Every structure is written in structure tokens, then in C-alpha cells.
Amino acid sequence: MSRRITRRRALQTGAVGSLGYLFAGPAASVARALGANEKIRLAGIGIGGKGSSDIDQAGGLMQVVALCDIDDIRLADKAKKWPDAKTFFDYRALFDKMAKEIDAVTVSTADHSHAPASALAMRAGKHVYCQKPLTHTVHEARVLREIAAKQKVCTQMGNQGSALNGLRRAVEIVQSGILGQIKEAHVWTNRPAHYWKQAPDIVARPKETEVPKHVHWEEFIGPAPMRPYAVAFAPRPAYHPHDWRGYWDFGTGALGDMACHTANMAFRALKLGAPIAVTAEAGEINPETYPAWAHIQYIFAARGELPGCTLHWYEGKKGDKKVLPPEELLAKLLKPGEKLTDSGSILVGDKGILFSPSDYGQTFRLTPEKDFAEVQTKKPEKLTAGVDGDNDSHMKKEWLEAIKANKPELASSNFDYAGQLTETMLMGNIAVRFAGQKLEWDAAKLTFTNSETATKLVRKEYRKGWDLLGVG
């Protein structure tokens, strides 16, 4: 064993060992029954960036017994807070060594590792809180949804706006019918500009450089094709710890980063489910990164009494101009001197329009305002009350309570819902590769009926030892 590998394992309690979970996959098991006052034992997988706040929030509610991260610096920092927690840089080793000592996990890795880590946890009977987007591919979203249902574990995706009262009231208002028939929705984001590097700044593989001593590169790559560590614009690292979002192999771009937040309200309110087709226009496609801009259209059939509709997604900049909803629509909504927010959503009905200038859809106004002056927009009247602004409650009030009650349905973004939302949204990242072509979708078969080439992108190949462990 090399000195470097020996040094790297200094922070890890126990080596990879037999990796029985890795090679055979764990025998499916059910969640451990918890006593009324029993502390839930928690492991954090990916504890930097958003994962830092995830483990901090969950750790305030549960007993942190294990920490896992591919970055020794991040791992050592969190180990100071929970010195009794065992530390790992490989989540497979974590389960191999501690599966019987864990009840729940948070998964806040780069997108490409969400599904393998979450699948492994659920098949071992563990409750899972996974960051958005739930998965890296459409197929993975379906798989996680199915495993969660089979294992009856309590799950939650990290689109915390789901717990907000304002979002729930928006859903009620739309479903009440007072806006009339809604046949179009528009959702936009300010990403990726200024948040991470991708096209047009990066169009080819960045320059290779030596892996920093504190980074476990093999474990970061995980299920993705192996590539060298690199810098994009020295000294800015190309992938870890942040810009992985812009690369096909690791992230899901602006759509994956924000659609599970910003399209969440519209998706719930309009009961969208699976589209029948998706189409897009986009910037130039390159082998490494997501395009500089995109306008994606998801086409939905009628759903019971609800009419067919189209959801429009806008991201990035086309030249110097942001890609946004039509100016004639915005002119109806913006007041004199008002500027459009960086992200938000619009639902257009034949009797009125709902305009939300926020990521989560929790604040909104109805137009024409004179027609809806008596409609309150703050609190749900029929749906279960949520919270007004405490994002922690997505975890505290819902995921934790679901675990305690052993009722997965108590979590509003459990994997049954989150899997469908993620599955639908990520289709857009396939559509941008076929800009100008309408891809027709068969949800039951996970197939684009008019494109075998596009269908191949619904799934992905996994590097040996990092797949979904025999679950689909």
C-alpha cells in the first residue's frame, strides 16, 4: 500500500475491508423499529457545501455516528463538531463497517453520486434525506422511487420550499380553479451565470494537474468515467469542490440545480406528472459541459379535468441577454419601475395569472389584482399547514416526524413525489442535446418513442464497483 493511500486512510476508521455491500449489494432489509424516545443514529455522506448545513440541521435532531466525505479538510472540520463519529472517505466502506449502527443518512454529494449512495442506504433499510436533484439521470429517479416504495423507508429530497405555507396556498389557489384553465407555465433561473464555470467559458476538457493531498479523487469520480483532476482557470479547480455542477459527467447544470425548487410549485399545483413530449432550443453543445443557455418546453396531456399544458423552462444567457419568458407576458405583470427577479414562475390561466418572484413559489400575486383582492395568499386553508420561513422544518417537521411515526407520506417531498419531479425535469437535459427536435415520451417504458439515440441517455453506464448495486 502506498504511503499516500496510508496517509489518506488516517482519517478513516477502518479500511474498506471486505466491501460486502460493494460487490454483492446488501440483502434488502427493513428499517429498524424505533422506540418513542430513542435517538435516531445518523450518518452524513457529503458534508461540505450544502452538505454542511444538511448534517448540521440533521445532527441537531439525531445522533451523528458517522461522517463521510472525499475531502479530508471538510471531514476533519466536521469531526471537530462530532468527535465520537467514525469517519470515512468512501460511503461503501461506511455501510460495510457500520450498516447495523445507522438508522438514517443525509446524502449531499455531487449529483452523480446521489443515486448509488441513496440506493445502497435504502436497500439496507435506512431512511434517506438526499439533496436535489434526487439523481443524475432519469432512470435513476425511477429506481430510487421504486426502492423507497419497496423498502417503506422515510425519505425526503432537499427542496425545502415544499414545507412553506405560501407554496401550499399557491397550490390550493391554482387547484381551486379561480384562475381558470391553465395551459402554460413559465419558470426561469439566474443560473449558471456567476455560480460555476461551464459553456461558453469551458468547451474542452480542462488542463490536468496533480490531485491535492486532501482530495480522494477515486472516490469523487465514483460512478463516472475516470478522468484526471484538473484546473479550469488557475487556481480555480475545474470540478471539486464546486464547479462539478456544470459538467455532464458530474452535475445536472442549472436545470438540475434549480428546477426542483423553482418548478416545484407549478408541478404540484398543475398535477403535472410525466410529460408526453419535451423539446428545446439551446446554446452550442460540447462534450464536457452544459450549454450556455436553454429554453426547454415540457408538453403535458390533459389530466382528468385539467387541460393539456406546456411548462417552459429558461436558463442562462444568449450572448449578453438573459433567456426569459416572453416580453409581452412580462409586460402584463411587472409594475412601473419593477424589475424581473433573478428566478421565479408564472402560471397563466384564462381568468387570471399567478406570478411568483421567488425560487420556491411561496410569495406570489394574482393578476388582474382587482379581480382577486379578497383572496388571501399566505396560509393554506385545506392543505396541511407548513411553516412560514424556517427552511429547517423541511427536515425537522417532516422527515424527522415521518421517521418517528414510520409514515413516509408525512414528508412532502418523499421520493415518490421527488422521483417523479426529478425524472421529468431531467428530461430537459436530454432535450437540449437534440435541440429543435420534439422527443415523444413513453413514461411506462422510460423510452423516447421517436429517438433511440435520445433513449440511450435516459440511463448511463457505471464504473465498475460504483453502480446501483444490482437494483435496476
Protein backbone atom coordinates (compact mmCIF):
# COMPACT_ATOMS: atom_id res chain seq x y z
CA MET A 1 0.00 0.00 0.00
CA SER A 2 1.45 3.37 -0.96
CA ARG A 3 2.34 5.98 1.63
CA ARG A 4 -0.19 8.29 0.07
CA ILE A 5 -3.03 5.82 0.45
CA THR A 6 -1.92 5.07 4.03
CA ARG A 7 -1.98 8.78 4.85
CA ARG A 8 -5.36 9.19 3.22
CA ARG A 9 -6.83 6.48 5.40
CA ALA A 10 -5.62 8.10 8.61
CA LEU A 11 -8.93 9.90 9.00
CA GLN A 12 -10.96 6.82 8.18
CA THR A 13 -11.93 4.46 10.98
CA GLY A 14 -11.34 1.09 9.39
CA ALA A 15 -10.26 0.41 5.82
CA VAL A 16 -12.61 -0.65 3.06
CA GLY A 17 -12.28 -4.25 4.20
CA SER A 18 -14.41 -6.87 2.54
CA LEU A 19 -16.80 -4.39 0.95
CA GLY A 20 -19.56 -6.95 1.01
CA TYR A 21 -22.06 -4.22 0.23
CA LEU A 22 -19.98 -3.13 -2.74
CA PHE A 23 -19.62 -6.42 -4.53
CA ALA A 24 -22.81 -8.25 -3.65
CA GLY A 25 -25.15 -5.48 -2.68
CA PRO A 26 -26.83 -5.66 0.74
CA ALA A 27 -29.69 -8.04 1.23
CA ALA A 28 -32.80 -5.88 1.27
CA SER A 29 -33.73 -5.12 4.85
CA VAL A 30 -36.35 -3.06 6.61
CA ALA A 31 -35.89 -0.02 8.81
CA ARG A 32 -35.22 -0.71 12.48
CA ALA A 33 -38.20 -0.12 14.76
CA LEU A 34 -37.54 2.92 16.95
CA GLY A 35 -38.74 3.48 20.49
CA ALA A 36 -40.72 6.64 21.28
CA ASN A 37 -37.76 8.39 22.90
CA GLU A 38 -34.97 6.61 21.09
CA LYS A 39 -32.29 8.72 19.38
CA ILE A 40 -32.03 8.22 15.63
CA ARG A 41 -28.49 7.28 14.59
CA LEU A 42 -27.33 9.36 11.62
CA ALA A 43 -24.57 9.25 9.01
CA GLY A 44 -23.71 12.18 6.76
CA ILE A 45 -22.48 11.38 3.25
CA GLY A 46 -21.05 14.52 1.64
CA ILE A 47 -20.64 17.09 4.41
CA GLY A 48 -19.24 20.14 2.62
CA GLY A 49 -21.09 22.90 0.79
CA LYS A 50 -24.83 22.28 1.12
CA GLY A 51 -23.97 19.06 2.89
CA SER A 52 -22.52 21.09 5.75
CA SER A 53 -25.85 22.68 6.60
CA ASP A 54 -27.66 19.38 5.96
CA ILE A 55 -25.60 17.47 8.51
CA ASP A 56 -25.73 20.39 10.94
CA GLN A 57 -29.53 20.51 10.77
CA ALA A 58 -29.99 16.76 10.98
CA GLY A 59 -27.29 16.48 13.62
CA GLY A 60 -29.25 18.82 15.84
CA LEU A 61 -32.11 16.33 15.77
CA MET A 62 -30.33 12.99 15.70
CA GLN A 63 -27.16 11.30 16.96
CA VAL A 64 -24.34 11.66 14.42
CA VAL A 65 -22.42 8.37 14.42
CA ALA A 66 -20.60 8.57 11.07
CA LEU A 67 -19.26 11.19 8.66
CA CYS A 68 -18.15 10.61 5.09
CA ASP A 69 -16.52 12.96 2.59
CA ILE A 70 -13.92 12.71 -0.16
CA ASP A 71 -12.23 15.87 1.18
CA ASP A 72 -10.05 15.36 4.28
CA ILE A 73 -10.23 19.05 5.21
CA ARG A 74 -14.02 19.07 5.26
CA LEU A 75 -14.07 15.77 7.07
CA ALA A 76 -11.67 16.92 9.76
CA ASP A 77 -13.65 20.13 10.28
CA LYS A 78 -16.92 18.27 10.93
CA ALA A 79 -15.14 15.69 13.06
CA LYS A 80 -14.34 18.50 15.50
CA LYS A 81 -18.06 19.03 16.00
CA TRP A 82 -18.83 15.33 16.41
CA PRO A 83 -15.58 13.79 17.74
CA ASP A 84 -17.25 10.46 18.52
CA ALA A 85 -18.43 9.96 14.94
CA LYS A 86 -16.47 7.49 12.85
CA THR A 87 -15.02 8.97 9.65
CA PHE A 88 -14.85 7.63 6.10
CA PHE A 89 -13.97 8.90 2.65
CA ASP A 90 -15.81 6.08 0.85
CA TYR A 91 -19.53 5.63 1.58
CA ARG A 92 -19.33 1.99 0.53
CA ALA A 93 -16.88 1.36 3.37
CA LEU A 94 -19.20 3.23 5.73
CA PHE A 95 -22.01 0.77 5.03
CA ASP A 96 -19.67 -2.19 5.04
CA LYS A 97 -18.48 -1.31 8.53
CA MET A 98 -21.48 0.38 10.16
CA ALA A 99 -24.72 -0.68 8.48
CA LYS A 100 -26.10 -2.08 11.73
CA GLU A 101 -25.23 1.09 13.65
CA ILE A 102 -27.10 3.57 11.42
CA ASP A 103 -30.80 4.41 11.10
CA ALA A 104 -30.72 7.35 8.66
CA VAL A 105 -28.40 9.17 6.27
CA THR A 106 -28.11 12.51 4.58
CA VAL A 107 -26.73 12.37 1.02
CA SER A 108 -25.27 15.67 -0.17
CA THR A 109 -22.57 14.60 -2.60
CA ALA A 110 -22.11 15.80 -6.17
CA ASP A 111 -25.17 14.87 -8.25
CA HIS A 112 -23.62 11.84 -9.95
CA SER A 113 -23.26 10.02 -6.61
CA HIS A 114 -26.75 10.74 -5.24
CA ALA A 115 -28.40 7.61 -6.58
CA PRO A 116 -25.73 4.98 -5.80
CA ALA A 117 -25.37 6.22 -2.21
CA SER A 118 -29.12 6.57 -1.65
CA ALA A 119 -29.91 3.20 -3.21
CA LEU A 120 -27.32 1.49 -1.03
CA ALA A 121 -28.75 3.15 2.07
CA MET A 122 -32.38 2.32 1.34
CA ARG A 123 -31.70 -1.28 0.45
CA ALA A 124 -30.03 -1.56 3.86
CA GLY A 125 -33.24 -0.25 5.45
CA LYS A 126 -32.03 3.29 6.14
CA HIS A 127 -34.12 6.46 5.95
CA VAL A 128 -32.65 8.95 3.46
CA TYR A 129 -32.57 12.73 3.07
CA CYS A 130 -31.00 13.45 -0.34
CA GLN A 131 -30.20 16.80 -1.84
CA LYS A 132 -31.80 17.98 -5.05
CA PRO A 133 -31.87 16.95 -7.78
CA LEU A 134 -32.59 13.50 -6.47
CA THR A 135 -30.48 11.84 -9.17
CA HIS A 136 -28.15 12.34 -12.10
CA THR A 137 -30.33 10.56 -14.69
CA VAL A 138 -33.99 9.97 -15.48
CA HIS A 139 -33.64 6.22 -14.94
CA GLU A 140 -32.05 6.68 -11.52
CA ALA A 141 -35.01 8.79 -10.39
CA ARG A 142 -37.36 5.95 -11.28
CA VAL A 143 -35.14 3.42 -9.49
CA LEU A 144 -34.95 5.41 -6.25
CA ARG A 145 -38.69 5.94 -6.29
CA GLU A 146 -39.24 2.20 -6.62
CA ILE A 147 -36.72 1.23 -3.93
CA ALA A 148 -38.22 3.70 -1.44
CA ALA A 149 -41.68 2.25 -2.01
CA LYS A 150 -40.47 -1.34 -1.69
CA GLN A 151 -38.39 -0.72 1.43
CA LYS A 152 -41.01 1.53 3.08
CA VAL A 153 -38.29 3.84 4.37
CA CYS A 154 -38.89 7.53 5.09
CA THR A 155 -37.33 9.79 2.50
CA GLN A 156 -37.11 13.46 1.65
CA MET A 157 -35.45 15.45 -1.13
CA GLY A 158 -33.88 18.78 -0.22
CA ASN A 159 -36.25 21.16 -1.99
CA GLN A 160 -37.20 22.83 1.26
CA GLY A 161 -39.76 25.20 -0.25
CA SER A 162 -42.15 22.24 -0.19
CA ALA A 163 -42.73 22.89 3.52
CA LEU A 164 -43.65 26.57 3.16
CA ASN A 165 -47.18 27.81 3.77
CA GLY A 166 -47.06 30.20 0.83
CA LEU A 167 -46.27 27.45 -1.67
CA ARG A 168 -49.09 25.32 -0.30
CA ARG A 169 -51.51 28.22 -0.56
CA ALA A 170 -50.44 28.78 -4.18
CA VAL A 171 -51.18 25.13 -4.91
CA GLU A 172 -54.64 25.48 -3.33
CA ILE A 173 -55.47 28.62 -5.31
CA VAL A 174 -54.50 27.09 -8.63
CA GLN A 175 -56.40 23.89 -7.90
CA SER A 176 -59.49 25.85 -6.79
CA GLY A 177 -59.99 26.89 -10.41
CA ILE A 178 -60.29 30.64 -9.77
CA LEU A 179 -57.57 31.32 -12.35
CA GLY A 180 -59.48 29.30 -14.94
CA GLN A 181 -57.86 26.77 -17.20
CA ILE A 182 -54.07 26.96 -17.10
CA LYS A 183 -52.41 25.87 -20.30
CA GLU A 184 -48.98 27.40 -19.85
CA ALA A 185 -46.45 27.86 -17.10
CA HIS A 186 -43.11 29.69 -17.23
CA VAL A 187 -40.16 29.11 -14.89
CA TRP A 188 -36.78 30.83 -15.06
CA THR A 189 -33.47 30.89 -13.18
CA ASN A 190 -30.38 33.06 -12.98
CA ARG A 191 -28.11 30.03 -13.05
CA PRO A 192 -25.50 29.26 -14.23
CA ALA A 193 -24.20 32.82 -14.70
CA HIS A 194 -21.74 33.75 -11.92
CA TYR A 195 -22.25 30.49 -9.99
CA TRP A 196 -19.97 27.97 -11.70
CA LYS A 197 -17.97 27.60 -14.89
CA GLN A 198 -19.42 25.89 -17.97
CA ALA A 199 -20.04 26.87 -21.60
CA PRO A 200 -19.23 29.31 -23.09
CA ASP A 201 -16.21 29.65 -20.76
CA ILE A 202 -15.40 25.92 -20.94
CA VAL A 203 -15.85 23.88 -24.10
CA ALA A 204 -12.97 21.39 -23.82
CA ARG A 205 -11.51 19.29 -21.02
CA PRO A 206 -9.60 21.49 -18.56
CA LYS A 207 -5.87 21.15 -18.01
CA GLU A 208 -4.76 18.21 -15.89
CA THR A 209 -2.90 18.87 -12.66
CA GLU A 210 -1.85 16.93 -9.55
CA VAL A 211 -4.57 15.86 -7.16
CA PRO A 212 -4.39 17.81 -3.88
CA LYS A 213 -3.32 15.62 -0.97
CA HIS A 214 -6.60 16.18 0.89
CA VAL A 215 -8.82 15.04 -2.00
CA HIS A 216 -9.67 11.36 -2.61
CA TRP A 217 -10.06 11.54 -6.37
CA GLU A 218 -11.05 7.91 -6.96
CA GLU A 219 -13.97 8.33 -4.56
CA PHE A 220 -15.00 11.69 -6.01
CA ILE A 221 -15.15 10.20 -9.51
CA GLY A 222 -17.22 7.33 -8.13
CA PRO A 223 -19.62 6.05 -10.81
CA ALA A 224 -18.43 8.49 -13.51
CA PRO A 225 -15.83 7.70 -16.19
CA MET A 226 -12.35 8.24 -14.77
CA ARG A 227 -10.66 11.49 -15.71
CA PRO A 228 -7.68 13.41 -14.29
CA TYR A 229 -8.02 16.10 -11.66
CA ALA A 230 -7.85 19.49 -13.34
CA VAL A 231 -7.99 23.25 -13.01
CA ALA A 232 -10.17 25.34 -15.28
CA PHE A 233 -8.88 28.86 -14.71
CA ALA A 234 -5.91 28.66 -12.34
CA PRO A 235 -6.10 28.43 -9.42
CA ARG A 236 -9.83 27.63 -9.74
CA PRO A 237 -10.36 23.84 -9.61
CA ALA A 238 -12.40 22.51 -12.50
CA TYR A 239 -14.60 20.05 -10.58
CA HIS A 240 -14.28 19.73 -6.80
CA PRO A 241 -15.43 21.47 -4.66
CA HIS A 242 -17.98 23.45 -6.70
CA ASP A 243 -17.86 23.62 -10.49
CA TRP A 244 -18.77 19.96 -10.99
CA ARG A 245 -22.35 21.24 -11.48
CA GLY A 246 -21.54 22.41 -14.99
CA TYR A 247 -20.13 19.10 -16.30
CA TRP A 248 -22.21 16.36 -17.91
CA ASP A 249 -20.36 13.62 -16.01
CA PHE A 250 -20.89 15.03 -12.53
CA GLY A 251 -23.70 17.58 -12.41
CA THR A 252 -27.07 18.36 -13.91
CA GLY A 253 -26.49 22.01 -14.81
CA ALA A 254 -28.82 24.88 -13.99
CA LEU A 255 -31.87 22.70 -14.61
CA GLY A 256 -30.87 20.11 -12.03
CA ASP A 257 -29.66 22.70 -9.58
CA MET A 258 -32.81 24.83 -9.54
CA ALA A 259 -35.82 23.20 -11.24
CA CYS A 260 -36.67 21.04 -8.22
CA HIS A 261 -37.00 24.34 -6.34
CA THR A 262 -38.45 26.76 -8.86
CA ALA A 263 -40.72 24.42 -10.82
CA ASN A 264 -41.92 22.65 -7.67
CA MET A 265 -44.97 24.84 -7.05
CA ALA A 266 -46.18 24.64 -10.66
CA PHE A 267 -45.55 20.89 -10.77
CA ARG A 268 -47.66 20.33 -7.65
CA ALA A 269 -50.38 22.84 -8.46
CA LEU A 270 -50.96 21.57 -12.00
CA LYS A 271 -50.55 17.88 -11.10
CA LEU A 272 -48.13 17.55 -13.96
CA GLY A 273 -46.60 14.09 -13.57
CA ALA A 274 -44.88 12.76 -16.70
CA PRO A 275 -44.90 14.76 -19.95
CA ILE A 276 -45.81 13.26 -23.28
CA ALA A 277 -43.05 15.17 -25.07
CA VAL A 278 -40.16 17.55 -24.49
CA THR A 279 -38.35 19.90 -26.85
CA ALA A 280 -35.67 22.53 -26.50
CA GLU A 281 -33.58 25.22 -28.07
CA ALA A 282 -30.14 25.73 -26.60
CA GLY A 283 -26.65 27.08 -27.00
CA GLU A 284 -23.87 25.11 -28.62
CA ILE A 285 -23.37 21.63 -27.15
CA ASN A 286 -19.88 20.37 -26.28
CA PRO A 287 -18.71 17.04 -24.81
CA GLU A 288 -17.76 18.49 -21.42
CA THR A 289 -20.30 21.00 -20.13
CA TYR A 290 -23.91 22.04 -20.25
CA PRO A 291 -24.78 24.75 -22.80
CA ALA A 292 -24.62 28.45 -22.03
CA TRP A 293 -28.40 28.83 -22.34
CA ALA A 294 -31.57 26.86 -22.92
CA HIS A 295 -35.31 27.19 -23.35
CA ILE A 296 -37.00 23.85 -22.68
CA GLN A 297 -40.67 23.03 -23.23
CA TYR A 298 -42.36 20.15 -21.40
CA ILE A 299 -45.65 19.16 -23.03
CA PHE A 300 -48.30 17.53 -20.83
CA ALA A 301 -51.52 15.84 -21.85
CA ALA A 302 -54.86 16.56 -20.19
CA ARG A 303 -55.01 15.22 -16.62
CA GLY A 304 -58.58 14.43 -15.64
CA GLU A 305 -60.43 17.75 -15.76
CA LEU A 306 -57.19 19.68 -16.22
CA PRO A 307 -56.35 20.70 -19.79
CA GLY A 308 -53.14 19.86 -21.59
CA CYS A 309 -50.42 22.39 -20.88
CA THR A 310 -46.81 23.36 -21.57
CA LEU A 311 -44.23 24.20 -18.95
CA HIS A 312 -41.44 26.47 -20.22
CA TRP A 313 -38.01 26.48 -18.54
CA TYR A 314 -35.48 29.29 -19.17
CA GLU A 315 -31.81 29.36 -18.14
CA GLY A 316 -28.57 31.16 -18.87
CA LYS A 317 -27.62 33.95 -21.24
CA LYS A 318 -27.78 34.08 -25.02
CA GLY A 319 -24.92 36.44 -25.67
CA ASP A 320 -25.39 39.26 -23.16
CA LYS A 321 -29.13 38.75 -22.81
CA LYS A 322 -30.79 36.51 -20.23
CA VAL A 323 -33.14 33.85 -21.54
CA LEU A 324 -36.51 34.77 -20.00
CA PRO A 325 -40.27 34.44 -20.56
CA PRO A 326 -41.78 36.45 -23.44
CA GLU A 327 -41.59 40.22 -23.00
CA GLU A 328 -45.29 40.63 -23.85
CA LEU A 329 -46.18 38.34 -20.92
CA LEU A 330 -43.86 40.16 -18.53
CA ALA A 331 -45.34 43.49 -19.59
CA LYS A 332 -48.70 42.35 -18.23
CA LEU A 333 -47.21 41.51 -14.84
CA LEU A 334 -44.47 43.98 -13.95
CA LYS A 335 -45.49 47.23 -12.34
CA PRO A 336 -43.95 50.56 -13.44
CA GLY A 337 -40.31 50.57 -12.37
CA GLU A 338 -40.39 46.94 -11.26
CA LYS A 339 -37.60 44.67 -12.47
CA LEU A 340 -37.96 40.95 -13.02
CA THR A 341 -36.39 38.88 -10.27
CA ASP A 342 -33.50 36.51 -10.96
CA SER A 343 -35.78 33.49 -10.70
CA GLY A 344 -39.47 32.77 -10.40
CA SER A 345 -42.54 31.30 -12.03
CA ILE A 346 -45.72 32.32 -13.84
CA LEU A 347 -48.90 30.26 -14.29
CA VAL A 348 -51.20 31.66 -16.98
CA GLY A 349 -54.91 30.93 -16.68
CA ASP A 350 -57.75 32.16 -18.87
CA LYS A 351 -59.22 34.04 -15.88
CA GLY A 352 -56.06 35.22 -14.17
CA ILE A 353 -52.31 34.83 -13.74
CA LEU A 354 -50.24 33.75 -10.75
CA PHE A 355 -46.84 35.49 -10.69
CA SER A 356 -44.23 34.33 -8.16
CA PRO A 357 -40.95 36.27 -7.99
CA SER A 358 -39.24 33.68 -5.78
CA ASP A 359 -37.33 30.41 -6.04
CA TYR A 360 -39.86 28.44 -4.04
CA GLY A 361 -43.17 29.94 -5.17
CA GLN A 362 -44.05 30.88 -1.60
CA THR A 363 -44.63 34.57 -2.38
CA PHE A 364 -46.87 35.50 -5.27
CA ARG A 365 -49.52 37.86 -6.54
CA LEU A 366 -52.59 37.29 -8.66
CA THR A 367 -53.50 39.48 -11.63
CA PRO A 368 -55.62 41.33 -12.55
CA GLU A 369 -55.24 42.36 -8.87
CA LYS A 370 -58.72 43.93 -8.73
CA ASP A 371 -60.28 40.56 -9.51
CA PHE A 372 -58.50 38.77 -6.65
CA ALA A 373 -58.32 41.46 -3.97
CA GLU A 374 -60.19 39.29 -1.46
CA VAL A 375 -58.04 36.19 -1.93
CA GLN A 376 -55.56 35.61 0.88
CA THR A 377 -52.16 34.36 -0.28
CA LYS A 378 -50.30 33.48 2.92
CA LYS A 379 -51.73 30.37 4.58
CA PRO A 380 -53.16 27.09 3.27
CA GLU A 381 -56.84 26.62 4.08
CA LYS A 382 -57.22 22.94 3.23
CA LEU A 383 -53.74 21.51 2.86
CA THR A 384 -51.70 20.63 5.94
CA ALA A 385 -50.15 23.75 7.44
CA GLY A 386 -46.43 24.12 6.85
CA VAL A 387 -44.10 26.85 8.07
CA ASP A 388 -43.63 30.49 7.09
CA GLY A 389 -39.89 30.72 6.63
CA ASP A 390 -37.93 28.16 8.64
CA ASN A 391 -36.26 26.01 5.99
CA ASP A 392 -35.03 23.63 8.69
CA SER A 393 -38.62 22.47 9.12
CA HIS A 394 -38.43 20.54 5.85
CA MET A 395 -36.15 18.25 7.80
CA LYS A 396 -37.36 18.83 11.36
CA LYS A 397 -41.11 18.86 10.96
CA GLU A 398 -41.41 16.43 8.07
CA TRP A 399 -38.53 13.98 7.60
CA LEU A 400 -37.93 13.54 11.31
CA GLU A 401 -41.63 13.21 12.12
CA ALA A 402 -42.08 10.74 9.26
CA ILE A 403 -39.30 8.58 10.70
CA LYS A 404 -40.71 8.74 14.23
CA ALA A 405 -44.21 7.84 13.03
CA ASN A 406 -42.93 5.35 10.43
CA LYS A 407 -45.12 7.11 7.86
CA PRO A 408 -43.18 8.02 4.68
CA GLU A 409 -46.14 10.04 3.38
CA LEU A 410 -45.65 12.70 6.09
CA ALA A 411 -42.62 14.03 4.18
CA SER A 412 -43.97 16.31 1.44
CA SER A 413 -41.05 15.70 -0.91
CA ASN A 414 -40.61 12.00 -0.27
CA PHE A 415 -39.06 10.01 -3.08
CA ASP A 416 -42.42 9.03 -4.54
CA TYR A 417 -43.05 12.70 -5.34
CA ALA A 418 -39.43 13.82 -5.68
CA GLY A 419 -38.63 10.93 -8.00
CA GLN A 420 -41.38 11.98 -10.40
CA LEU A 421 -40.37 15.65 -10.27
CA THR A 422 -36.70 14.84 -10.84
CA GLU A 423 -37.45 12.33 -13.59
CA THR A 424 -39.50 14.90 -15.50
CA MET A 425 -37.14 17.84 -15.06
CA LEU A 426 -34.01 15.92 -16.07
CA MET A 427 -35.59 15.06 -19.42
CA GLY A 428 -34.80 18.63 -20.34
CA ASN A 429 -31.07 17.88 -20.18
CA ILE A 430 -31.61 15.24 -22.83
CA ALA A 431 -33.73 17.55 -24.96
CA VAL A 432 -31.01 20.21 -25.15
CA ARG A 433 -28.76 17.68 -26.90
CA PHE A 434 -31.45 17.30 -29.57
CA ALA A 435 -32.31 20.99 -29.91
CA GLY A 436 -35.16 21.60 -32.33
CA GLN A 437 -36.44 18.01 -32.19
CA LYS A 438 -39.62 17.10 -30.36
CA LEU A 439 -38.89 14.00 -28.29
CA GLU A 440 -42.01 11.91 -27.62
CA TRP A 441 -42.01 10.19 -24.21
CA ASP A 442 -43.39 6.84 -23.06
CA ALA A 443 -43.13 7.10 -19.27
CA ALA A 444 -44.08 3.49 -18.59
CA LYS A 445 -41.20 2.23 -20.73
CA LEU A 446 -38.74 5.06 -19.98
CA THR A 447 -38.35 5.48 -23.71
CA PHE A 448 -38.42 8.26 -26.27
CA THR A 449 -40.53 6.56 -28.90
CA ASN A 450 -39.11 8.54 -31.81
CA SER A 451 -35.42 8.51 -30.89
CA GLU A 452 -33.32 5.51 -29.93
CA THR A 453 -30.34 7.85 -29.56
CA ALA A 454 -32.12 10.03 -27.02
CA THR A 455 -33.36 6.95 -25.15
CA LYS A 456 -29.76 5.86 -24.59
CA LEU A 457 -29.27 8.98 -22.48
CA VAL A 458 -32.09 8.04 -20.10
CA ARG A 459 -29.62 5.66 -18.42
CA LYS A 460 -25.87 5.70 -18.02
CA GLU A 461 -23.05 3.23 -17.63
CA TYR A 462 -21.36 2.99 -14.25
CA ARG A 463 -17.72 2.46 -13.50
CA LYS A 464 -17.11 -0.98 -12.02
CA GLY A 465 -17.83 -1.06 -8.31
CA TRP A 466 -19.97 2.10 -8.31
CA ASP A 467 -23.26 1.10 -9.91
CA LEU A 468 -26.73 0.88 -8.40
CA LEU A 469 -25.70 -2.42 -6.84
CA GLY A 470 -28.00 -4.70 -8.76
CA VAL A 471 -31.20 -2.74 -8.24
CA GLY A 472 -32.03 -1.78 -11.81
